[in-house]
Amino acid sequence: LRNPPKNKKINNEISSEETAVLIPGRLRCWEKSKELIYSIAEKNKVFIMTDESDKKIISDINHRNIIAINIDNSVYKESHNKIPNLVLSQYFKLKCVIDEIYKFEKLNTFFFKNFIKIRTDFYYYNSENLMDMTRENNENYLFLQSDLHYSGRREFFLPLRNFYDFAEWSYLNDFHNLSYMPINPT
């Protein structure tokens, strides 16, 4: 949205520590979304993978449940700099943030059951229900709305780690004459 309204806080009564929240990409509209992100972080881990352009925002984030990484100051920098198309960067950041979740899980001997990928430049009409994973837990699907929002159980969400490799291959090989991204994975 060009000028989205401010996102509302979530209802923490339906939040669960079993859910990891991913924000792979620029922290656009941060002022309108930070209240939402901080309310999510009250009972959920939030993993952010952004770049140098959000350096100031990352340095100001101070919350025990938010892990914010600047990809330009990380082990992923060299690979990130080799990405052939800027639009592919969001899928690379998704891959990297999932890798960070695997590291977190291994370090803490804990496994997240559910995952949700959100953006800070998107207005969630029902943000108070954003963390309600009832449907994801009762259906065998990955839920998504283009590249704006993905959610699902572990077995449906984590294979998205490999989506960057497929997207890069599709772009480099002009698969189906793609002139834009995101690609149609079907």
Protein backbone atom coordinates (compact mmCIF):
# COMPACT_ATOMS: atom_id res chain seq x y z
CA LEU A 1 0.00 0.00 0.00
CA ARG A 2 1.27 3.48 -0.75
CA ASN A 3 0.19 5.01 2.53
CA PRO A 4 -1.00 2.20 4.76
CA PRO A 5 -2.63 2.98 8.08
CA LYS A 6 -0.78 2.04 11.22
CA ASN A 7 -0.95 -1.71 12.00
CA LYS A 8 -2.72 -2.62 15.23
CA LYS A 9 -1.18 -4.74 17.96
CA ILE A 10 -1.94 -8.44 17.95
CA ASN A 11 -4.08 -10.28 20.45
CA ASN A 12 -1.45 -12.05 22.57
CA GLU A 13 -4.03 -14.42 24.02
CA ILE A 14 -3.82 -16.54 20.86
CA SER A 15 -0.06 -16.23 20.37
CA SER A 16 2.17 -19.20 20.89
CA GLU A 17 5.85 -19.64 21.48
CA GLU A 18 5.64 -22.46 18.96
CA THR A 19 5.52 -19.92 16.12
CA ALA A 20 8.52 -18.23 14.51
CA VAL A 21 7.88 -14.96 12.68
CA LEU A 22 10.12 -14.12 9.73
CA ILE A 23 10.68 -10.72 8.17
CA PRO A 24 13.09 -11.26 5.27
CA GLY A 25 13.52 -7.96 3.51
CA ARG A 26 13.52 -4.22 3.93
CA LEU A 27 11.80 -2.76 6.99
CA ARG A 28 9.65 -0.38 4.98
CA CYS A 29 6.93 1.53 6.85
CA TRP A 30 8.66 0.58 10.09
CA GLU A 31 7.08 3.43 12.06
CA LYS A 32 3.62 2.14 11.15
CA SER A 33 4.49 -1.49 11.84
CA LYS A 34 6.88 -1.52 14.77
CA GLU A 35 4.07 -1.60 17.35
CA LEU A 36 2.72 -4.74 15.64
CA ILE A 37 6.18 -6.35 15.51
CA TYR A 38 6.90 -5.59 19.17
CA SER A 39 3.49 -6.97 20.22
CA ILE A 40 4.21 -10.17 18.25
CA ALA A 41 7.60 -10.41 19.98
CA GLU A 42 5.98 -10.47 23.41
CA LYS A 43 5.23 -14.19 23.00
CA ASN A 44 6.99 -15.20 19.76
CA LYS A 45 10.48 -15.13 18.33
CA VAL A 46 10.86 -12.68 15.45
CA PHE A 47 13.70 -13.18 12.97
CA ILE A 48 14.57 -10.23 10.73
CA MET A 49 16.98 -10.40 7.78
CA THR A 50 17.45 -7.02 6.13
CA ASP A 51 20.30 -5.01 4.65
CA GLU A 52 22.48 -1.95 5.16
CA SER A 53 19.67 0.46 4.27
CA ASP A 54 17.93 -0.50 7.55
CA LYS A 55 21.08 -0.21 9.66
CA LYS A 56 19.64 2.55 11.88
CA ILE A 57 16.39 0.66 12.54
CA ILE A 58 18.28 -2.53 13.43
CA SER A 59 20.52 -0.66 15.86
CA ASP A 60 17.43 0.75 17.61
CA ILE A 61 15.72 -2.65 18.03
CA ASN A 62 16.14 -3.82 21.58
CA HIS A 63 13.90 -6.74 22.40
CA ARG A 64 14.79 -10.14 23.83
CA ASN A 65 12.63 -11.98 21.26
CA ILE A 66 13.76 -10.15 18.13
CA ILE A 67 16.83 -11.36 16.28
CA ALA A 68 17.69 -8.76 13.63
CA ILE A 69 20.50 -9.36 11.17
CA ASN A 70 22.00 -7.01 8.61
CA ILE A 71 22.87 -9.32 5.72
CA ASP A 72 25.68 -6.95 4.67
CA ASN A 73 27.42 -7.59 8.01
CA SER A 74 26.88 -11.35 8.10
CA VAL A 75 28.25 -14.63 6.81
CA TYR A 76 25.82 -14.27 3.88
CA LYS A 77 27.31 -11.00 2.56
CA GLU A 78 29.49 -12.48 -0.19
CA SER A 79 26.70 -14.62 -1.61
CA HIS A 80 24.22 -11.76 -1.32
CA ASN A 81 26.50 -9.48 -3.33
CA LYS A 82 26.50 -12.02 -6.19
CA ILE A 83 22.72 -12.10 -6.65
CA PRO A 84 22.05 -11.41 -10.36
CA ASN A 85 18.72 -9.62 -9.87
CA LEU A 86 17.66 -7.33 -7.04
CA VAL A 87 14.18 -8.89 -6.87
CA LEU A 88 15.77 -12.26 -6.08
CA SER A 89 17.22 -10.70 -2.95
CA GLN A 90 13.99 -11.20 -0.99
CA TYR A 91 14.10 -14.96 -1.66
CA PHE A 92 17.77 -15.11 -0.72
CA LYS A 93 16.98 -13.31 2.55
CA LEU A 94 14.20 -15.84 3.19
CA LYS A 95 16.70 -18.66 2.70
CA CYS A 96 19.17 -16.99 5.08
CA VAL A 97 16.61 -16.25 7.79
CA ILE A 98 15.46 -19.88 7.70
CA ASP A 99 19.13 -20.89 8.13
CA GLU A 100 19.26 -18.59 11.18
CA ILE A 101 16.17 -20.29 12.60
CA TYR A 102 17.85 -23.70 12.17
CA LYS A 103 20.89 -22.34 14.07
CA PHE A 104 18.65 -20.95 16.81
CA GLU A 105 16.77 -24.25 17.14
CA LYS A 106 19.99 -26.26 17.33
CA LEU A 107 21.52 -23.92 19.91
CA ASN A 108 18.38 -23.97 22.06
CA THR A 109 17.30 -27.59 21.45
CA PHE A 110 13.88 -26.30 20.49
CA PHE A 111 11.80 -26.71 17.34
CA PHE A 112 9.19 -24.28 16.09
CA LYS A 113 5.95 -25.89 14.98
CA ASN A 114 4.58 -22.98 12.93
CA PHE A 115 6.06 -20.25 10.76
CA ILE A 116 4.74 -17.02 9.40
CA LYS A 117 6.47 -14.66 6.98
CA ILE A 118 5.26 -11.07 7.06
CA ARG A 119 6.22 -7.68 5.66
CA THR A 120 6.36 -4.33 7.40
CA ASP A 121 4.98 -2.44 4.40
CA PHE A 122 1.70 -4.32 4.37
CA TYR A 123 -1.41 -3.42 6.34
CA TYR A 124 -3.01 -6.40 8.07
CA TYR A 125 -6.76 -5.78 8.29
CA ASN A 126 -7.16 -8.40 11.00
CA SER A 127 -3.78 -8.07 12.66
CA GLU A 128 -5.28 -9.03 16.00
CA ASN A 129 -5.74 -12.55 14.54
CA LEU A 130 -2.44 -12.69 12.66
CA MET A 131 -0.86 -15.22 15.00
CA ASP A 132 -3.87 -17.53 15.17
CA MET A 133 -2.49 -20.66 13.51
CA THR A 134 -5.61 -22.80 14.00
CA ARG A 135 -6.24 -23.20 10.30
CA GLU A 136 -2.58 -23.92 9.51
CA ASN A 137 -2.54 -26.59 12.23
CA ASN A 138 -5.67 -28.29 10.91
CA GLU A 139 -5.06 -28.28 7.17
CA ASN A 140 -2.23 -29.74 5.09
CA TYR A 141 -1.30 -26.63 3.14
CA LEU A 142 1.08 -23.73 2.98
CA PHE A 143 -0.99 -20.55 3.04
CA LEU A 144 0.26 -17.61 1.04
CA GLN A 145 -0.71 -14.35 -0.54
CA SER A 146 1.77 -13.76 -3.37
CA ASP A 147 5.08 -12.76 -1.76
CA LEU A 148 3.37 -10.69 0.93
CA HIS A 149 2.55 -13.33 3.50
CA TYR A 150 3.22 -17.03 4.00
CA SER A 151 2.19 -19.20 6.92
CA GLY A 152 2.12 -22.87 7.71
CA ARG A 153 3.35 -25.75 9.75
CA ARG A 154 7.01 -26.66 9.71
CA GLU A 155 6.72 -29.37 7.06
CA PHE A 156 5.05 -27.01 4.59
CA PHE A 157 6.98 -23.83 5.36
CA LEU A 158 10.62 -24.85 5.68
CA PRO A 159 10.95 -26.17 2.09
CA LEU A 160 10.66 -22.49 1.08
CA ARG A 161 14.35 -22.33 2.00
CA ASN A 162 15.02 -23.85 -1.43
CA PHE A 163 12.78 -21.41 -3.28
CA TYR A 164 15.71 -19.03 -3.86
CA ASP A 165 17.66 -21.70 -5.75
CA PHE A 166 14.66 -22.40 -7.96
CA ALA A 167 13.94 -18.68 -8.47
CA GLU A 168 17.57 -17.99 -9.39
CA TRP A 169 17.64 -20.90 -11.84
CA SER A 170 14.36 -19.71 -13.39
CA TYR A 171 15.62 -16.16 -13.74
CA LEU A 172 19.03 -17.09 -15.17
CA ASN A 173 17.51 -19.53 -17.66
CA ASP A 174 14.65 -17.22 -18.66
CA PHE A 175 12.29 -20.03 -17.74
CA HIS A 176 8.96 -19.40 -19.51
CA ASN A 177 10.24 -15.95 -20.59
CA LEU A 178 9.87 -14.50 -17.14
CA SER A 179 9.98 -10.74 -17.31
CA TYR A 180 9.09 -10.16 -13.67
CA MET A 181 9.29 -11.66 -10.26
CA PRO A 182 7.91 -13.16 -8.11
CA ILE A 183 7.76 -16.20 -10.30
CA ASN A 184 4.83 -18.53 -10.58
CA PRO A 185 6.08 -21.66 -8.80
CA THR A 186 3.48 -23.87 -10.49
